[in-house]
Amino acid sequence: MVNLVSLAPVLILLPLGTAALLTGLSGRAVLARSVAVACICGQLLLVVVVYLGFEAPLSAFEASWLPALGTQVHLSVDGICVHALMVLAAVLAVAIVAEIRLQPGDGSAARLALIFVVVAAMNVFLMSRDLLVAAAAHGTAGLALAALLGVGSDLAGQSAARRFANWAIAGTLLLST
C-alpha cells in the first residue's frame, strides 16, 4: 500500500512549485515548456502510484488552519477522489500539450504556470474534507482559470475573463456559507 500521508502533500506541492518555477522563466519559452513537460510527467507518475497503491480510504494529512474558526486542513483520498485525480492528471496532460502545440509566443510560461496553479487548487479541492478549505481551493482554481482566459487575449477575451472571475468569486462565497 502507498503511504498516502507523504504523497498527498506532494500532489499539491509539485504543481505549485512548478508554477513558481515557470513564473521565473517568463522570457524563456523553450525552457519553460521543457520544465512543464518534465513536471507533468512527474505528476502523472505520482497519480498513477497513488491509484495503483490505493486500497481503502485513508486520512492523508491534517493541520490546523484558521483555528479561530475551528477549521483544519484535512486531506484524504477515497475511492471517488482517486479516480478524479486520475481524470485531472489526464486533463492536465492534454492542457499542457495543447498549450505547447497551439500557443506560440512568450506568454506561454505564464499560461503554463496558471494551468499548474489550477491543478494544485483542484487537487486540494478533491482531497479536502473541510468545506472552508474546499471553498478556498475552488475560488483559487476559478480565479486562476479567469486569469488564464485573460492572458494574451483581446478586449473581448479580457471582458469574458472578468465575468468568469466574478462568477468564481460568487460561487466561492456561496460554497463557504
N, C-alpha and C. Protein backbone atom coordinates (compact mmCIF):
# COMPACT_ATOMS: atom_id res chain seq x y z
N MET A 1 0.84 -1.18 0.00
CA MET A 1 0.00 0.00 0.00
C MET A 1 0.88 1.24 0.00
N VAL A 2 0.48 2.26 -0.73
CA VAL A 2 1.22 3.51 -0.84
C VAL A 2 1.03 4.33 0.43
N ASN A 3 2.09 4.96 0.90
CA ASN A 3 2.00 5.84 2.07
C ASN A 3 1.39 7.17 1.63
N LEU A 4 0.07 7.29 1.75
CA LEU A 4 -0.63 8.48 1.30
C LEU A 4 -0.32 9.70 2.16
N VAL A 5 0.14 9.48 3.37
CA VAL A 5 0.48 10.59 4.24
C VAL A 5 1.60 11.42 3.61
N SER A 6 2.53 10.78 2.96
CA SER A 6 3.63 11.52 2.34
C SER A 6 3.32 11.95 0.91
N LEU A 7 2.43 11.26 0.22
CA LEU A 7 2.16 11.60 -1.18
C LEU A 7 1.11 12.69 -1.37
N ALA A 8 0.17 12.81 -0.45
CA ALA A 8 -0.89 13.82 -0.61
C ALA A 8 -0.33 15.24 -0.68
N PRO A 9 0.56 15.64 0.22
CA PRO A 9 1.12 16.99 0.08
C PRO A 9 1.93 17.17 -1.20
N VAL A 10 2.57 16.10 -1.67
CA VAL A 10 3.36 16.20 -2.90
C VAL A 10 2.45 16.44 -4.10
N LEU A 11 1.24 15.86 -4.08
CA LEU A 11 0.27 16.10 -5.16
C LEU A 11 -0.10 17.58 -5.27
N ILE A 12 0.06 18.31 -4.18
CA ILE A 12 -0.25 19.74 -4.17
C ILE A 12 1.01 20.57 -4.39
N LEU A 13 2.10 20.18 -3.74
CA LEU A 13 3.32 20.98 -3.80
C LEU A 13 4.04 20.88 -5.15
N LEU A 14 3.95 19.75 -5.83
CA LEU A 14 4.61 19.62 -7.13
C LEU A 14 4.04 20.62 -8.15
N PRO A 15 2.70 20.71 -8.33
CA PRO A 15 2.21 21.71 -9.28
C PRO A 15 2.45 23.15 -8.81
N LEU A 16 2.39 23.39 -7.50
CA LEU A 16 2.66 24.75 -7.00
C LEU A 16 4.11 25.14 -7.23
N GLY A 17 5.02 24.23 -6.95
CA GLY A 17 6.44 24.51 -7.21
C GLY A 17 6.72 24.70 -8.68
N THR A 18 6.06 23.91 -9.51
CA THR A 18 6.21 24.06 -10.96
C THR A 18 5.70 25.43 -11.41
N ALA A 19 4.57 25.86 -10.88
CA ALA A 19 4.03 27.17 -11.24
C ALA A 19 5.00 28.28 -10.83
N ALA A 20 5.58 28.17 -9.64
CA ALA A 20 6.55 29.18 -9.19
C ALA A 20 7.78 29.19 -10.09
N LEU A 21 8.25 28.02 -10.45
CA LEU A 21 9.41 27.93 -11.33
C LEU A 21 9.11 28.50 -12.71
N LEU A 22 7.93 28.18 -13.23
CA LEU A 22 7.55 28.68 -14.56
C LEU A 22 7.38 30.20 -14.56
N THR A 23 6.94 30.76 -13.44
CA THR A 23 6.81 32.21 -13.35
C THR A 23 8.16 32.89 -13.53
N GLY A 24 9.21 32.26 -13.02
CA GLY A 24 10.55 32.82 -13.18
C GLY A 24 11.13 32.62 -14.56
N LEU A 25 10.51 31.80 -15.37
CA LEU A 25 11.02 31.52 -16.72
C LEU A 25 10.20 32.23 -17.79
N SER A 26 9.66 33.39 -17.47
CA SER A 26 8.74 34.05 -18.40
C SER A 26 9.38 34.47 -19.71
N GLY A 27 10.67 34.72 -19.76
CA GLY A 27 11.30 35.13 -21.02
C GLY A 27 11.85 33.98 -21.83
N ARG A 28 11.83 32.78 -21.28
CA ARG A 28 12.45 31.63 -21.96
C ARG A 28 11.41 30.55 -22.23
N ALA A 29 10.75 30.67 -23.36
CA ALA A 29 9.62 29.79 -23.68
C ALA A 29 10.04 28.33 -23.83
N VAL A 30 11.17 28.06 -24.47
CA VAL A 30 11.58 26.68 -24.69
C VAL A 30 11.91 25.98 -23.37
N LEU A 31 12.62 26.67 -22.50
CA LEU A 31 12.94 26.10 -21.19
C LEU A 31 11.69 25.91 -20.35
N ALA A 32 10.77 26.87 -20.41
CA ALA A 32 9.52 26.77 -19.66
C ALA A 32 8.71 25.56 -20.13
N ARG A 33 8.67 25.36 -21.42
CA ARG A 33 7.93 24.22 -21.96
C ARG A 33 8.57 22.89 -21.55
N SER A 34 9.90 22.84 -21.53
CA SER A 34 10.60 21.62 -21.11
C SER A 34 10.33 21.32 -19.63
N VAL A 35 10.36 22.35 -18.79
CA VAL A 35 10.07 22.18 -17.37
C VAL A 35 8.63 21.69 -17.19
N ALA A 36 7.69 22.27 -17.94
CA ALA A 36 6.29 21.87 -17.83
C ALA A 36 6.11 20.41 -18.22
N VAL A 37 6.76 19.97 -19.28
CA VAL A 37 6.64 18.57 -19.70
C VAL A 37 7.24 17.64 -18.65
N ALA A 38 8.40 17.99 -18.11
CA ALA A 38 9.02 17.16 -17.08
C ALA A 38 8.13 17.06 -15.84
N CYS A 39 7.54 18.17 -15.44
CA CYS A 39 6.71 18.18 -14.24
C CYS A 39 5.37 17.49 -14.46
N ILE A 40 4.83 17.56 -15.66
CA ILE A 40 3.59 16.82 -15.91
C ILE A 40 3.86 15.33 -15.90
N CYS A 41 5.02 14.93 -16.38
CA CYS A 41 5.38 13.50 -16.30
C CYS A 41 5.49 13.06 -14.84
N GLY A 42 6.09 13.91 -14.00
CA GLY A 42 6.19 13.60 -12.58
C GLY A 42 4.82 13.53 -11.93
N GLN A 43 3.94 14.46 -12.27
CA GLN A 43 2.58 14.47 -11.70
C GLN A 43 1.81 13.23 -12.14
N LEU A 44 1.91 12.87 -13.41
CA LEU A 44 1.23 11.67 -13.91
C LEU A 44 1.74 10.41 -13.20
N LEU A 45 3.05 10.32 -13.04
CA LEU A 45 3.64 9.17 -12.35
C LEU A 45 3.16 9.10 -10.91
N LEU A 46 3.12 10.23 -10.24
CA LEU A 46 2.68 10.29 -8.85
C LEU A 46 1.21 9.85 -8.71
N VAL A 47 0.36 10.33 -9.60
CA VAL A 47 -1.05 9.96 -9.54
C VAL A 47 -1.24 8.47 -9.85
N VAL A 48 -0.48 7.94 -10.78
CA VAL A 48 -0.57 6.51 -11.09
C VAL A 48 -0.12 5.68 -9.89
N VAL A 49 0.92 6.11 -9.20
CA VAL A 49 1.38 5.39 -8.00
C VAL A 49 0.29 5.41 -6.93
N VAL A 50 -0.35 6.55 -6.73
CA VAL A 50 -1.44 6.64 -5.75
C VAL A 50 -2.60 5.74 -6.18
N TYR A 51 -2.93 5.76 -7.46
CA TYR A 51 -4.04 4.95 -7.97
C TYR A 51 -3.76 3.46 -7.79
N LEU A 52 -2.57 3.01 -8.18
CA LEU A 52 -2.24 1.59 -8.09
C LEU A 52 -2.08 1.11 -6.65
N GLY A 53 -1.65 2.00 -5.77
CA GLY A 53 -1.46 1.61 -4.38
C GLY A 53 -2.67 1.83 -3.51
N PHE A 54 -3.75 2.36 -4.08
CA PHE A 54 -4.93 2.65 -3.28
C PHE A 54 -5.65 1.37 -2.89
N GLU A 55 -5.95 1.25 -1.59
CA GLU A 55 -6.70 0.08 -1.11
C GLU A 55 -7.96 0.47 -0.37
N ALA A 56 -7.87 1.48 0.47
CA ALA A 56 -9.03 1.89 1.27
C ALA A 56 -8.90 3.38 1.57
N PRO A 57 -10.00 4.05 1.87
CA PRO A 57 -9.92 5.47 2.20
C PRO A 57 -8.99 5.69 3.40
N LEU A 58 -8.08 6.63 3.22
CA LEU A 58 -7.13 6.94 4.28
C LEU A 58 -7.06 8.44 4.50
N SER A 59 -6.89 8.80 5.74
CA SER A 59 -6.62 10.19 6.07
C SER A 59 -5.18 10.45 5.67
N ALA A 60 -4.95 11.44 4.85
CA ALA A 60 -3.63 11.64 4.30
C ALA A 60 -2.84 12.76 4.97
N PHE A 61 -3.52 13.78 5.47
CA PHE A 61 -2.80 14.93 6.02
C PHE A 61 -3.76 15.74 6.87
N GLU A 62 -3.30 16.19 8.02
CA GLU A 62 -4.10 17.06 8.88
C GLU A 62 -3.22 18.15 9.44
N ALA A 63 -3.75 19.37 9.45
CA ALA A 63 -3.05 20.51 10.04
C ALA A 63 -4.09 21.55 10.45
N SER A 64 -3.76 22.35 11.44
CA SER A 64 -4.66 23.40 11.88
C SER A 64 -4.60 24.57 10.91
N TRP A 65 -5.76 25.09 10.54
CA TRP A 65 -5.85 26.23 9.63
C TRP A 65 -7.00 27.11 10.11
N LEU A 66 -6.76 28.34 10.36
CA LEU A 66 -7.74 29.28 10.91
C LEU A 66 -8.35 28.71 12.19
N PRO A 67 -7.56 28.56 13.25
CA PRO A 67 -8.07 27.95 14.48
C PRO A 67 -9.24 28.71 15.10
N ALA A 68 -9.31 30.03 14.88
CA ALA A 68 -10.42 30.81 15.43
C ALA A 68 -11.77 30.35 14.87
N LEU A 69 -11.75 29.85 13.66
CA LEU A 69 -12.98 29.35 13.03
C LEU A 69 -13.15 27.85 13.22
N GLY A 70 -12.19 27.22 13.88
CA GLY A 70 -12.26 25.78 14.09
C GLY A 70 -12.04 24.98 12.82
N THR A 71 -11.26 25.54 11.92
CA THR A 71 -11.04 24.90 10.62
C THR A 71 -9.70 24.18 10.61
N GLN A 72 -9.71 23.01 10.06
CA GLN A 72 -8.49 22.24 9.87
C GLN A 72 -8.36 21.86 8.41
N VAL A 73 -7.13 21.80 7.95
CA VAL A 73 -6.87 21.23 6.64
C VAL A 73 -6.83 19.72 6.85
N HIS A 74 -7.80 19.05 6.29
CA HIS A 74 -7.87 17.59 6.40
C HIS A 74 -7.99 17.05 4.99
N LEU A 75 -6.91 16.48 4.50
CA LEU A 75 -6.89 15.92 3.16
C LEU A 75 -6.95 14.41 3.26
N SER A 76 -7.74 13.81 2.42
CA SER A 76 -7.77 12.35 2.37
C SER A 76 -8.09 11.91 0.95
N VAL A 77 -7.77 10.68 0.69
CA VAL A 77 -8.01 10.09 -0.63
C VAL A 77 -8.98 8.94 -0.45
N ASP A 78 -10.11 9.02 -1.16
CA ASP A 78 -11.08 7.94 -1.11
C ASP A 78 -11.29 7.40 -2.53
N GLY A 79 -12.22 6.50 -2.68
CA GLY A 79 -12.43 5.84 -3.97
C GLY A 79 -12.82 6.78 -5.10
N ILE A 80 -13.66 7.75 -4.80
CA ILE A 80 -14.06 8.72 -5.83
C ILE A 80 -12.91 9.68 -6.13
N CYS A 81 -12.25 10.12 -5.08
CA CYS A 81 -11.16 11.08 -5.22
C CYS A 81 -10.01 10.52 -6.05
N VAL A 82 -9.67 9.25 -5.85
CA VAL A 82 -8.55 8.68 -6.58
C VAL A 82 -8.84 8.64 -8.08
N HIS A 83 -10.10 8.38 -8.44
CA HIS A 83 -10.47 8.40 -9.86
C HIS A 83 -10.49 9.83 -10.40
N ALA A 84 -10.97 10.77 -9.59
CA ALA A 84 -10.98 12.17 -10.02
C ALA A 84 -9.56 12.70 -10.20
N LEU A 85 -8.63 12.27 -9.35
CA LEU A 85 -7.24 12.66 -9.51
C LEU A 85 -6.66 12.13 -10.82
N MET A 86 -7.05 10.92 -11.20
CA MET A 86 -6.59 10.36 -12.48
C MET A 86 -7.13 11.18 -13.66
N VAL A 87 -8.42 11.52 -13.60
CA VAL A 87 -9.02 12.32 -14.67
C VAL A 87 -8.36 13.70 -14.73
N LEU A 88 -8.14 14.31 -13.57
CA LEU A 88 -7.50 15.63 -13.53
C LEU A 88 -6.09 15.57 -14.11
N ALA A 89 -5.34 14.52 -13.81
CA ALA A 89 -3.99 14.37 -14.37
C ALA A 89 -4.04 14.23 -15.89
N ALA A 90 -5.03 13.52 -16.39
CA ALA A 90 -5.17 13.37 -17.85
C ALA A 90 -5.53 14.71 -18.49
N VAL A 91 -6.43 15.45 -17.86
CA VAL A 91 -6.80 16.78 -18.38
C VAL A 91 -5.59 17.72 -18.33
N LEU A 92 -4.80 17.63 -17.27
CA LEU A 92 -3.59 18.44 -17.17
C LEU A 92 -2.65 18.13 -18.33
N ALA A 93 -2.46 16.86 -18.60
CA ALA A 93 -1.57 16.48 -19.71
C ALA A 93 -2.07 17.04 -21.04
N VAL A 94 -3.36 16.94 -21.28
CA VAL A 94 -3.94 17.47 -22.52
C VAL A 94 -3.78 18.99 -22.57
N ALA A 95 -4.02 19.67 -21.44
CA ALA A 95 -3.90 21.13 -21.41
C ALA A 95 -2.47 21.58 -21.68
N ILE A 96 -1.51 20.89 -21.11
CA ILE A 96 -0.10 21.26 -21.31
C ILE A 96 0.30 21.02 -22.76
N VAL A 97 -0.07 19.88 -23.31
CA VAL A 97 0.26 19.59 -24.71
C VAL A 97 -0.41 20.61 -25.63
N ALA A 98 -1.67 20.94 -25.37
CA ALA A 98 -2.38 21.92 -26.20
C ALA A 98 -1.72 23.29 -26.09
N GLU A 99 -1.32 23.68 -24.89
CA GLU A 99 -0.65 24.97 -24.72
C GLU A 99 0.66 25.02 -25.49
N ILE A 100 1.42 23.95 -25.40
CA ILE A 100 2.72 23.92 -26.08
C ILE A 100 2.55 23.89 -27.59
N ARG A 101 1.60 23.12 -28.08
CA ARG A 101 1.43 22.95 -29.53
C ARG A 101 0.68 24.11 -30.19
N LEU A 102 -0.26 24.73 -29.48
CA LEU A 102 -1.15 25.68 -30.13
C LEU A 102 -0.87 27.14 -29.81
N GLN A 103 -0.12 27.43 -28.77
CA GLN A 103 0.09 28.82 -28.36
C GLN A 103 1.54 29.24 -28.57
N PRO A 104 1.83 29.94 -29.64
CA PRO A 104 3.19 30.44 -29.83
C PRO A 104 3.41 31.69 -28.98
N GLY A 105 4.66 32.03 -28.76
CA GLY A 105 4.95 33.31 -28.10
C GLY A 105 5.46 33.17 -26.69
N ASP A 106 5.78 34.33 -26.11
CA ASP A 106 6.39 34.39 -24.79
C ASP A 106 5.38 34.28 -23.66
N GLY A 107 4.09 34.48 -23.93
CA GLY A 107 3.09 34.38 -22.88
C GLY A 107 2.85 32.96 -22.42
N SER A 108 3.50 32.01 -23.08
CA SER A 108 3.28 30.61 -22.79
C SER A 108 3.67 30.24 -21.37
N ALA A 109 4.76 30.78 -20.84
CA ALA A 109 5.20 30.44 -19.49
C ALA A 109 4.16 30.86 -18.46
N ALA A 110 3.57 32.03 -18.64
CA ALA A 110 2.53 32.49 -17.71
C ALA A 110 1.30 31.59 -17.78
N ARG A 111 0.89 31.22 -18.97
CA ARG A 111 -0.27 30.35 -19.11
C ARG A 111 0.02 28.95 -18.55
N LEU A 112 1.23 28.45 -18.77
CA LEU A 112 1.60 27.15 -18.21
C LEU A 112 1.58 27.20 -16.68
N ALA A 113 2.10 28.28 -16.12
CA ALA A 113 2.10 28.43 -14.65
C ALA A 113 0.67 28.45 -14.12
N LEU A 114 -0.22 29.15 -14.80
CA LEU A 114 -1.62 29.20 -14.35
C LEU A 114 -2.30 27.84 -14.44
N ILE A 115 -1.95 27.05 -15.44
CA ILE A 115 -2.51 25.70 -15.55
C ILE A 115 -2.09 24.88 -14.33
N PHE A 116 -0.84 25.00 -13.93
CA PHE A 116 -0.38 24.24 -12.76
C PHE A 116 -1.01 24.76 -11.47
N VAL A 117 -1.29 26.06 -11.37
CA VAL A 117 -1.99 26.59 -10.20
C VAL A 117 -3.40 26.00 -10.12
N VAL A 118 -4.07 25.93 -11.26
CA VAL A 118 -5.42 25.34 -11.30
C VAL A 118 -5.37 23.89 -10.82
N VAL A 119 -4.38 23.14 -11.28
CA VAL A 119 -4.28 21.73 -10.89
C VAL A 119 -4.01 21.59 -9.39
N ALA A 120 -3.11 22.40 -8.85
CA ALA A 120 -2.84 22.33 -7.41
C ALA A 120 -4.10 22.64 -6.61
N ALA A 121 -4.82 23.68 -7.02
CA ALA A 121 -6.06 24.05 -6.31
C ALA A 121 -7.11 22.95 -6.44
N MET A 122 -7.22 22.35 -7.60
CA MET A 122 -8.21 21.28 -7.78
C MET A 122 -7.82 20.03 -6.99
N ASN A 123 -6.52 19.76 -6.85
CA ASN A 123 -6.09 18.64 -6.01
C ASN A 123 -6.51 18.87 -4.56
N VAL A 124 -6.33 20.11 -4.08
CA VAL A 124 -6.77 20.43 -2.72
C VAL A 124 -8.28 20.28 -2.62
N PHE A 125 -9.01 20.77 -3.61
CA PHE A 125 -10.47 20.67 -3.61
C PHE A 125 -10.92 19.22 -3.55
N LEU A 126 -10.30 18.36 -4.36
CA LEU A 126 -10.71 16.96 -4.41
C LEU A 126 -10.39 16.20 -3.13
N MET A 127 -9.27 16.53 -2.50
CA MET A 127 -8.86 15.78 -1.31
C MET A 127 -9.36 16.39 -0.01
N SER A 128 -9.89 17.60 -0.06
CA SER A 128 -10.30 18.29 1.16
C SER A 128 -11.54 17.67 1.76
N ARG A 129 -11.54 17.61 3.08
CA ARG A 129 -12.71 17.13 3.82
C ARG A 129 -13.28 18.23 4.70
N ASP A 130 -12.89 19.48 4.42
CA ASP A 130 -13.38 20.64 5.15
C ASP A 130 -13.99 21.60 4.15
N LEU A 131 -15.19 22.10 4.43
CA LEU A 131 -15.90 22.94 3.48
C LEU A 131 -15.19 24.27 3.22
N LEU A 132 -14.62 24.87 4.25
CA LEU A 132 -13.93 26.15 4.07
C LEU A 132 -12.67 26.00 3.22
N VAL A 133 -11.92 24.94 3.43
CA VAL A 133 -10.73 24.67 2.62
C VAL A 133 -11.14 24.37 1.18
N ALA A 134 -12.21 23.59 1.01
CA ALA A 134 -12.70 23.29 -0.34
C ALA A 134 -13.15 24.57 -1.05
N ALA A 135 -13.82 25.48 -0.32
CA ALA A 135 -14.26 26.74 -0.93
C ALA A 135 -13.07 27.59 -1.33
N ALA A 136 -12.04 27.65 -0.48
CA ALA A 136 -10.84 28.42 -0.82
C ALA A 136 -10.15 27.84 -2.05
N ALA A 137 -10.06 26.52 -2.12
CA ALA A 137 -9.44 25.87 -3.28
C ALA A 137 -10.27 26.10 -4.54
N HIS A 138 -11.59 26.03 -4.41
CA HIS A 138 -12.49 26.28 -5.54
C HIS A 138 -12.30 27.70 -6.07
N GLY A 139 -12.23 28.67 -5.16
CA GLY A 139 -12.04 30.06 -5.57
C GLY A 139 -10.70 30.29 -6.22
N THR A 140 -9.66 29.66 -5.68
CA THR A 140 -8.32 29.79 -6.26
C THR A 140 -8.29 29.24 -7.67
N ALA A 141 -8.89 28.08 -7.86
CA ALA A 141 -8.94 27.49 -9.20
C ALA A 141 -9.73 28.37 -10.15
N GLY A 142 -10.86 28.91 -9.69
CA GLY A 142 -11.68 29.76 -10.54
C GLY A 142 -10.96 31.04 -10.95
N LEU A 143 -10.28 31.66 -10.01
CA LEU A 143 -9.54 32.89 -10.34
C LEU A 143 -8.35 32.61 -11.25
N ALA A 144 -7.69 31.48 -11.04
CA ALA A 144 -6.58 31.13 -11.93
C ALA A 144 -7.09 30.83 -13.34
N LEU A 145 -8.25 30.19 -13.44
CA LEU A 145 -8.84 29.96 -14.76
C LEU A 145 -9.23 31.27 -15.43
N ALA A 146 -9.76 32.21 -14.64
CA ALA A 146 -10.12 33.52 -15.19
C ALA A 146 -8.86 34.23 -15.70
N ALA A 147 -7.79 34.17 -14.94
CA ALA A 147 -6.54 34.78 -15.38
C ALA A 147 -6.01 34.09 -16.64
N LEU A 148 -6.16 32.77 -16.68
CA LEU A 148 -5.73 32.02 -17.86
C LEU A 148 -6.51 32.44 -19.10
N LEU A 149 -7.80 32.71 -18.93
CA LEU A 149 -8.60 33.19 -20.06
C LEU A 149 -8.16 34.58 -20.53
N GLY A 150 -7.71 35.40 -19.59
CA GLY A 150 -7.37 36.78 -19.93
C GLY A 150 -5.97 37.00 -20.43
N VAL A 151 -5.04 36.08 -20.15
CA VAL A 151 -3.64 36.26 -20.56
C VAL A 151 -3.52 36.22 -22.07
N GLY A 152 -3.03 37.30 -22.63
CA GLY A 152 -2.78 37.36 -24.06
C GLY A 152 -4.02 37.44 -24.93
N SER A 153 -5.17 37.77 -24.36
CA SER A 153 -6.38 37.83 -25.18
C SER A 153 -6.72 39.28 -25.51
N ASP A 154 -7.66 39.45 -26.42
CA ASP A 154 -8.11 40.78 -26.81
C ASP A 154 -9.08 41.32 -25.77
N LEU A 155 -9.70 42.46 -26.03
CA LEU A 155 -10.61 43.08 -25.07
C LEU A 155 -11.82 42.20 -24.76
N ALA A 156 -12.34 41.53 -25.78
CA ALA A 156 -13.49 40.66 -25.54
C ALA A 156 -13.10 39.48 -24.64
N GLY A 157 -11.92 38.93 -24.86
CA GLY A 157 -11.44 37.84 -24.01
C GLY A 157 -11.19 38.29 -22.59
N GLN A 158 -10.66 39.49 -22.42
CA GLN A 158 -10.43 40.03 -21.08
C GLN A 158 -11.74 40.31 -20.37
N SER A 159 -12.73 40.77 -21.11
CA SER A 159 -14.05 41.00 -20.54
C SER A 159 -14.68 39.68 -20.09
N ALA A 160 -14.54 38.65 -20.91
CA ALA A 160 -15.05 37.33 -20.54
C ALA A 160 -14.33 36.80 -19.30
N ALA A 161 -13.03 37.05 -19.21
CA ALA A 161 -12.27 36.61 -18.04
C ALA A 161 -12.75 37.32 -16.77
N ARG A 162 -13.06 38.61 -16.88
CA ARG A 162 -13.57 39.34 -15.72
C ARG A 162 -14.93 38.80 -15.28
N ARG A 163 -15.80 38.52 -16.24
CA ARG A 163 -17.10 37.95 -15.90
C ARG A 163 -16.94 36.58 -15.24
N PHE A 164 -16.05 35.77 -15.78
CA PHE A 164 -15.79 34.46 -15.20
C PHE A 164 -15.26 34.59 -13.77
N ALA A 165 -14.37 35.55 -13.54
CA ALA A 165 -13.84 35.78 -12.19
C ALA A 165 -14.94 36.19 -11.23
N ASN A 166 -15.85 37.04 -11.69
CA ASN A 166 -16.98 37.44 -10.84
C ASN A 166 -17.81 36.24 -10.43
N TRP A 167 -18.10 35.34 -11.37
CA TRP A 167 -18.87 34.15 -11.05
C TRP A 167 -18.09 33.21 -10.16
N ALA A 168 -16.78 33.13 -10.35
CA ALA A 168 -15.95 32.27 -9.50
C ALA A 168 -15.97 32.77 -8.06
N ILE A 169 -15.89 34.07 -7.86
CA ILE A 169 -15.94 34.63 -6.52
C ILE A 169 -17.31 34.39 -5.89
N ALA A 170 -18.37 34.61 -6.67
CA ALA A 170 -19.72 34.38 -6.16
C ALA A 170 -19.92 32.91 -5.77
N GLY A 171 -19.45 32.02 -6.60
CA GLY A 171 -19.56 30.59 -6.31
C GLY A 171 -18.80 30.21 -5.05
N THR A 172 -17.62 30.78 -4.88
CA THR A 172 -16.83 30.50 -3.69
C THR A 172 -17.52 31.01 -2.43
N LEU A 173 -18.08 32.20 -2.50
CA LEU A 173 -18.79 32.75 -1.34
C LEU A 173 -20.02 31.90 -1.00
N LEU A 174 -20.73 31.45 -2.00
CA LEU A 174 -21.88 30.59 -1.74
C LEU A 174 -21.46 29.24 -1.16
N LEU A 175 -20.36 28.71 -1.65
CA LEU A 175 -19.88 27.43 -1.17
C LEU A 175 -19.41 27.51 0.27
N SER A 176 -18.85 28.64 0.66
CA SER A 176 -18.30 28.78 2.01
C SER A 176 -19.34 29.14 3.06
N THR A 177 -20.57 29.47 2.65
CA THR A 177 -21.59 29.82 3.64
C THR A 177 -22.45 28.64 4.02
